Amino acid sequence: MADPGSVANFNRIADRYDRHPGQFGCRRADDDVLDALDGVSPRTVLDIGCGTGRLLHRVALRWPAAHLTGIDPASEMIRVARTKLPEATLLTGTAEHLPVADGTVDLVLSTTSFGHWSDQPAGLREVARALAPQGRFVLAEHTPPPAWSRRLLRVFGELPAHHDQATTRRLVEAAGLRVVRAGRVRGGLLLVVAVPA
C-alpha cells in the first residue's frame, strides 16, 4: 500500500506536475533511461510509477508498435497520463501488485518512483515475475541525501526510501534479477539495468 499522504500530494499536484521546476532532473533521468536502451526493441513496456505519462509518451514515440502499460497509485496522475496516451493501458495501482501475467513484459521501467514503493522487495519480486526471459528492467532513482539534510527534510514528513548503489544492487539481486549495469548518471541519480537471473 502506497503512503496515503504521498498519494494525496501527487493527486493534488497532478495538473501542474510536468511544469514544476523540480521536474528538470526527472526529465534528465528519462533521457538516461532511454540512453540505456539502445539496441532494444520491446513489444511490451511497463512503467511503474508512470505519473503523468511523460516517459511513456517518449517510449511511444521511440517504439510506436509497443504495447504500453503504466501504473501509478495516484489516480489523478493516471488521469493526466490518459490525455497523452489514449491507446496505453493506464491503471491505478502499485509495484507490489503488477497487473500483468508472468513472463510477459519485455521492458519494465521505474524512474524516480522506487523510493516511494511501500515494499521495495515485494515490488522487485513482482518485476522479476513480470519480465519476459529476455526482458530488461531499468531503474533510475535518487540516492540518499546527506545526513544533515535528511534530518532537516524529515521535519516536512516521511522521506522516500532512497538507497546507495550497493544496497539497491542487493535488493534487485535478492528479487531474482541479475544486475548488468549500475552507476551514477546526470543529476546524481543511480541507474540500474537488470535482467532475469
Protein backbone atom coordinates (compact mmCIF):
# COMPACT_ATOMS: atom_id res chain seq x y z
CA MET A 1 0.00 0.00 0.00
CA ALA A 2 1.44 3.36 -1.02
CA ASP A 3 1.78 6.08 1.62
CA PRO A 4 -1.64 7.83 1.66
CA GLY A 5 -0.09 11.24 2.34
CA SER A 6 2.27 10.92 -0.61
CA VAL A 7 -0.53 9.73 -2.91
CA ALA A 8 -2.74 12.62 -1.81
CA ASN A 9 0.08 15.06 -2.57
CA PHE A 10 0.63 13.63 -6.07
CA ASN A 11 -3.12 13.73 -6.71
CA ARG A 12 -3.18 17.39 -5.64
CA ILE A 13 -0.33 18.47 -7.97
CA ALA A 14 -1.10 16.22 -10.98
CA ASP A 15 -2.32 19.00 -13.29
CA ARG A 16 0.81 21.09 -12.77
CA TYR A 17 3.34 18.33 -12.13
CA ASP A 18 5.04 18.42 -15.55
CA ARG A 19 5.57 22.19 -15.32
CA HIS A 20 7.19 22.12 -11.88
CA PRO A 21 10.86 23.26 -11.94
CA GLY A 22 11.82 20.17 -9.95
CA GLN A 23 10.89 18.04 -12.95
CA PHE A 24 14.04 19.14 -14.79
CA GLY A 25 16.03 16.43 -13.00
CA CYS A 26 13.35 13.83 -13.66
CA ARG A 27 13.34 14.68 -17.37
CA ARG A 28 17.11 14.14 -17.40
CA ALA A 29 16.51 10.78 -15.72
CA ASP A 30 14.15 9.91 -18.57
CA ASP A 31 16.97 10.75 -21.02
CA ASP A 32 19.38 8.47 -19.15
CA VAL A 33 16.87 5.62 -19.08
CA LEU A 34 16.28 5.89 -22.82
CA ASP A 35 20.03 6.12 -23.48
CA ALA A 36 20.46 2.81 -21.60
CA LEU A 37 18.08 1.14 -24.05
CA ASP A 38 20.00 1.48 -27.31
CA GLY A 39 19.55 -1.64 -29.38
CA VAL A 40 16.38 -2.72 -27.56
CA SER A 41 13.06 -3.20 -29.38
CA PRO A 42 10.44 -4.10 -26.78
CA ARG A 43 6.99 -5.30 -27.76
CA THR A 44 5.62 -4.71 -24.25
CA VAL A 45 6.62 -1.94 -21.83
CA LEU A 46 5.51 -1.40 -18.24
CA ASP A 47 6.26 1.87 -16.44
CA ILE A 48 5.90 1.55 -12.66
CA GLY A 49 5.11 4.91 -11.09
CA CYS A 50 4.32 6.32 -14.53
CA GLY A 51 2.96 9.56 -13.09
CA THR A 52 1.63 11.82 -15.84
CA GLY A 53 2.95 9.53 -18.57
CA ARG A 54 5.87 11.73 -19.59
CA LEU A 55 8.35 8.86 -20.05
CA LEU A 56 5.77 6.50 -21.56
CA HIS A 57 4.94 9.18 -24.14
CA ARG A 58 8.60 9.25 -25.18
CA VAL A 59 8.65 5.44 -25.24
CA ALA A 60 5.60 5.51 -27.55
CA LEU A 61 7.44 7.81 -29.97
CA ARG A 62 10.52 5.57 -29.95
CA TRP A 63 8.68 2.22 -30.22
CA PRO A 64 5.27 3.02 -31.75
CA ALA A 65 4.28 -0.65 -32.11
CA ALA A 66 4.93 -1.50 -28.45
CA HIS A 67 2.02 -2.17 -26.11
CA LEU A 68 2.37 0.30 -23.21
CA THR A 69 1.17 -0.15 -19.66
CA GLY A 70 1.57 2.42 -16.91
CA ILE A 71 0.73 2.01 -13.25
CA ASP A 72 0.67 4.66 -10.53
CA PRO A 73 -1.01 4.80 -7.10
CA ALA A 74 -2.19 8.40 -7.72
CA SER A 75 -5.42 8.31 -9.75
CA GLU A 76 -5.11 11.96 -10.77
CA MET A 77 -1.66 11.31 -12.27
CA ILE A 78 -3.22 8.46 -14.28
CA ARG A 79 -6.00 10.83 -15.43
CA VAL A 80 -3.40 13.28 -16.77
CA ALA A 81 -1.44 10.44 -18.39
CA ARG A 82 -4.55 9.30 -20.28
CA THR A 83 -4.68 12.67 -22.07
CA LYS A 84 -1.19 11.97 -23.50
CA LEU A 85 -1.54 8.24 -24.08
CA PRO A 86 -5.11 7.33 -25.05
CA GLU A 87 -4.00 3.97 -26.52
CA ALA A 88 -1.98 2.84 -23.49
CA THR A 89 -3.25 0.73 -20.61
CA LEU A 90 -3.04 3.07 -17.62
CA LEU A 91 -4.06 1.79 -14.21
CA THR A 92 -4.16 2.98 -10.63
CA GLY A 93 -2.07 0.55 -8.60
CA THR A 94 1.28 -0.23 -7.02
CA ALA A 95 4.51 -2.04 -7.80
CA GLU A 96 3.69 -4.70 -5.24
CA HIS A 97 0.72 -5.94 -7.31
CA LEU A 98 1.51 -5.61 -11.02
CA PRO A 99 -1.50 -6.28 -13.28
CA VAL A 100 0.40 -8.40 -15.83
CA ALA A 101 0.86 -12.12 -16.43
CA ASP A 102 4.09 -13.92 -15.56
CA GLY A 103 6.95 -13.51 -18.03
CA THR A 104 5.10 -11.20 -20.43
CA VAL A 105 6.88 -7.82 -20.25
CA ASP A 106 9.93 -7.06 -22.38
CA LEU A 107 10.82 -3.83 -20.63
CA VAL A 108 9.98 -2.62 -17.11
CA LEU A 109 10.84 0.96 -16.18
CA SER A 110 10.89 2.78 -12.86
CA THR A 111 12.11 6.35 -12.94
CA THR A 112 12.28 8.21 -9.60
CA SER A 113 9.39 6.22 -8.13
CA PHE A 114 11.27 3.35 -6.42
CA GLY A 115 11.81 5.41 -3.26
CA HIS A 116 8.03 5.67 -2.87
CA TRP A 117 7.32 1.94 -3.11
CA SER A 118 5.94 0.80 0.25
CA ASP A 119 7.52 -2.68 -0.01
CA GLN A 120 10.53 -2.50 -2.32
CA PRO A 121 11.49 -6.21 -2.06
CA ALA A 122 7.92 -7.26 -2.92
CA GLY A 123 7.79 -4.80 -5.83
CA LEU A 124 11.10 -6.08 -7.19
CA ARG A 125 9.86 -9.68 -6.94
CA GLU A 126 6.85 -8.57 -9.00
CA VAL A 127 9.21 -7.06 -11.60
CA ALA A 128 11.12 -10.36 -11.78
CA ARG A 129 7.83 -12.26 -12.14
CA ALA A 130 6.58 -9.98 -14.92
CA LEU A 131 9.76 -9.87 -17.02
CA ALA A 132 9.98 -11.99 -20.15
CA PRO A 133 13.00 -14.34 -20.28
CA GLN A 134 14.99 -11.84 -22.37
CA GLY A 135 13.40 -8.83 -20.64
CA ARG A 136 15.10 -5.85 -19.10
CA PHE A 137 14.42 -3.74 -16.00
CA VAL A 138 15.73 -0.17 -15.84
CA LEU A 139 15.61 1.67 -12.54
CA ALA A 140 16.63 5.31 -12.14
CA GLU A 141 16.41 6.71 -8.63
CA HIS A 142 17.72 9.43 -6.39
CA THR A 143 20.43 8.44 -3.95
CA PRO A 144 20.11 9.32 -0.25
CA PRO A 145 20.72 12.96 0.63
CA PRO A 146 23.47 13.78 3.12
CA ALA A 147 22.65 13.01 6.77
CA TRP A 148 22.32 16.68 7.75
CA SER A 149 19.73 17.32 5.03
CA ARG A 150 17.81 14.12 5.87
CA ARG A 151 17.35 15.46 9.39
CA LEU A 152 16.15 18.78 8.00
CA LEU A 153 13.84 17.20 5.41
CA ARG A 154 12.28 14.85 7.97
CA VAL A 155 10.68 17.93 9.53
CA PHE A 156 8.43 18.04 6.43
CA GLY A 157 7.30 14.42 6.73
CA GLU A 158 8.31 10.93 5.73
CA LEU A 159 11.19 10.70 3.27
CA PRO A 160 11.25 8.35 0.27
CA ALA A 161 13.35 5.21 0.82
CA HIS A 162 16.43 6.04 -1.25
CA HIS A 163 19.45 3.72 -1.15
CA ASP A 164 23.08 3.77 -2.16
CA GLN A 165 24.28 1.69 -5.10
CA ALA A 166 25.35 -1.36 -3.06
CA THR A 167 22.03 -1.59 -1.19
CA THR A 168 19.98 -1.12 -4.36
CA ARG A 169 22.01 -3.82 -6.09
CA ARG A 170 21.43 -6.23 -3.18
CA LEU A 171 17.69 -5.57 -3.25
CA VAL A 172 17.49 -6.11 -7.02
CA GLU A 173 19.54 -9.30 -6.93
CA ALA A 174 17.61 -10.69 -3.94
CA ALA A 175 14.46 -10.44 -6.06
CA GLY A 176 15.90 -12.84 -8.65
CA LEU A 177 17.34 -10.35 -11.12
CA ARG A 178 20.91 -10.02 -12.38
CA VAL A 179 22.39 -6.51 -12.49
CA VAL A 180 24.19 -5.86 -15.77
CA ARG A 181 24.87 -2.16 -15.21
CA ALA A 182 24.86 0.10 -12.18
CA GLY A 183 26.25 3.56 -11.67
CA ARG A 184 25.60 7.25 -11.25
CA VAL A 185 24.26 9.34 -14.10
CA ARG A 186 23.45 13.02 -14.51
CA GLY A 187 21.90 14.76 -11.56
CA GLY A 188 23.44 12.26 -9.15
CA LEU A 189 20.83 9.64 -9.95
CA LEU A 190 21.57 5.95 -9.67
CA LEU A 191 20.82 3.95 -12.83
CA VAL A 192 20.48 0.16 -12.58
CA VAL A 193 19.84 -2.16 -15.51
CA ALA A 194 18.90 -5.74 -14.65
CA VAL A 195 17.74 -8.87 -16.46
CA PRO A 196 16.19 -12.13 -15.26
CA ALA A 197 18.76 -14.23 -13.38
